Amino acid sequence: MSIAWPDFAAALGLMFVIEGILPFLSPDGVRRTLARAAAMDNSMLRIAGAVSMLAGVAVLWLARG
């Protein structure tokens, strides 16, 4: 199975666009949120990361399925 490089590049570019929206619209809000995240313990950050990954997999499954 080969990687569809144009699709991968498009997904990566879209990820950068989506990640840049909040800092562009509300830099102070992002700064406050990151400060709160820095104060969280590792287990809570891991849970948040796992939930985020599962949500991403679900969206991909629904979009491609």
Protein backbone atom coordinates (compact mmCIF):
# COMPACT_ATOMS: atom_id res chain seq x y z
CA MET A 1 0.00 0.00 0.00
CA SER A 2 1.51 3.29 -1.02
CA ILE A 3 0.93 6.63 0.66
CA ALA A 4 -1.19 9.13 -1.25
CA TRP A 5 1.27 12.00 -0.81
CA PRO A 6 -1.00 14.72 -2.21
CA ASP A 7 -3.75 13.70 0.25
CA PHE A 8 -1.24 13.61 3.10
CA ALA A 9 0.09 17.07 2.19
CA ALA A 10 -3.46 18.44 1.96
CA ALA A 11 -4.34 16.97 5.37
CA LEU A 12 -1.18 18.41 6.90
CA GLY A 13 -1.87 21.83 5.40
CA LEU A 14 -5.45 21.75 6.65
CA MET A 15 -4.22 20.81 10.11
CA PHE A 16 -1.94 23.89 10.13
CA VAL A 17 -4.79 26.13 9.01
CA ILE A 18 -7.16 24.78 11.68
CA GLU A 19 -4.51 25.02 14.42
CA GLY A 20 -3.78 28.61 13.44
CA ILE A 21 -7.38 29.84 13.63
CA LEU A 22 -7.63 30.22 17.42
CA PRO A 23 -4.25 31.94 17.95
CA PHE A 24 -5.15 34.33 15.14
CA LEU A 25 -8.62 35.12 16.49
CA SER A 26 -7.87 35.13 20.23
CA PRO A 27 -4.17 35.10 21.17
CA ASP A 28 -4.90 36.02 24.81
CA GLY A 29 -7.43 33.20 25.12
CA VAL A 30 -4.94 30.71 23.72
CA ARG A 31 -2.27 31.98 26.10
CA ARG A 32 -4.61 31.50 29.10
CA THR A 33 -5.62 28.03 27.90
CA LEU A 34 -2.00 26.96 27.43
CA ALA A 35 -1.13 28.24 30.91
CA ARG A 36 -3.94 26.11 32.35
CA ALA A 37 -2.74 23.10 30.34
CA ALA A 38 0.80 23.62 31.65
CA ALA A 39 -0.57 23.43 35.20
CA MET A 40 -2.35 20.11 34.57
CA ASP A 41 -0.78 16.85 35.65
CA ASN A 42 0.50 14.38 33.07
CA SER A 43 -2.37 11.92 33.44
CA MET A 44 -4.96 14.57 32.58
CA LEU A 45 -2.96 15.68 29.54
CA ARG A 46 -2.68 12.06 28.40
CA ILE A 47 -6.44 11.60 28.76
CA ALA A 48 -7.08 14.80 26.79
CA GLY A 49 -4.67 13.61 24.08
CA ALA A 50 -6.31 10.19 23.91
CA VAL A 51 -9.79 11.71 23.64
CA SER A 52 -8.56 14.05 20.90
CA MET A 53 -7.00 11.17 18.94
CA LEU A 54 -10.14 9.04 19.28
CA ALA A 55 -12.29 11.93 18.09
CA GLY A 56 -9.98 12.37 15.10
CA VAL A 57 -10.15 8.68 14.24
CA ALA A 58 -13.95 8.79 14.51
CA VAL A 59 -14.15 11.79 12.18
CA LEU A 60 -11.84 10.08 9.66
CA TRP A 61 -13.84 6.85 9.91
CA LEU A 62 -17.11 8.69 9.30
CA ALA A 63 -15.67 10.77 6.46
CA ARG A 64 -13.97 7.87 4.68
CA GLY A 65 -16.36 5.07 5.62
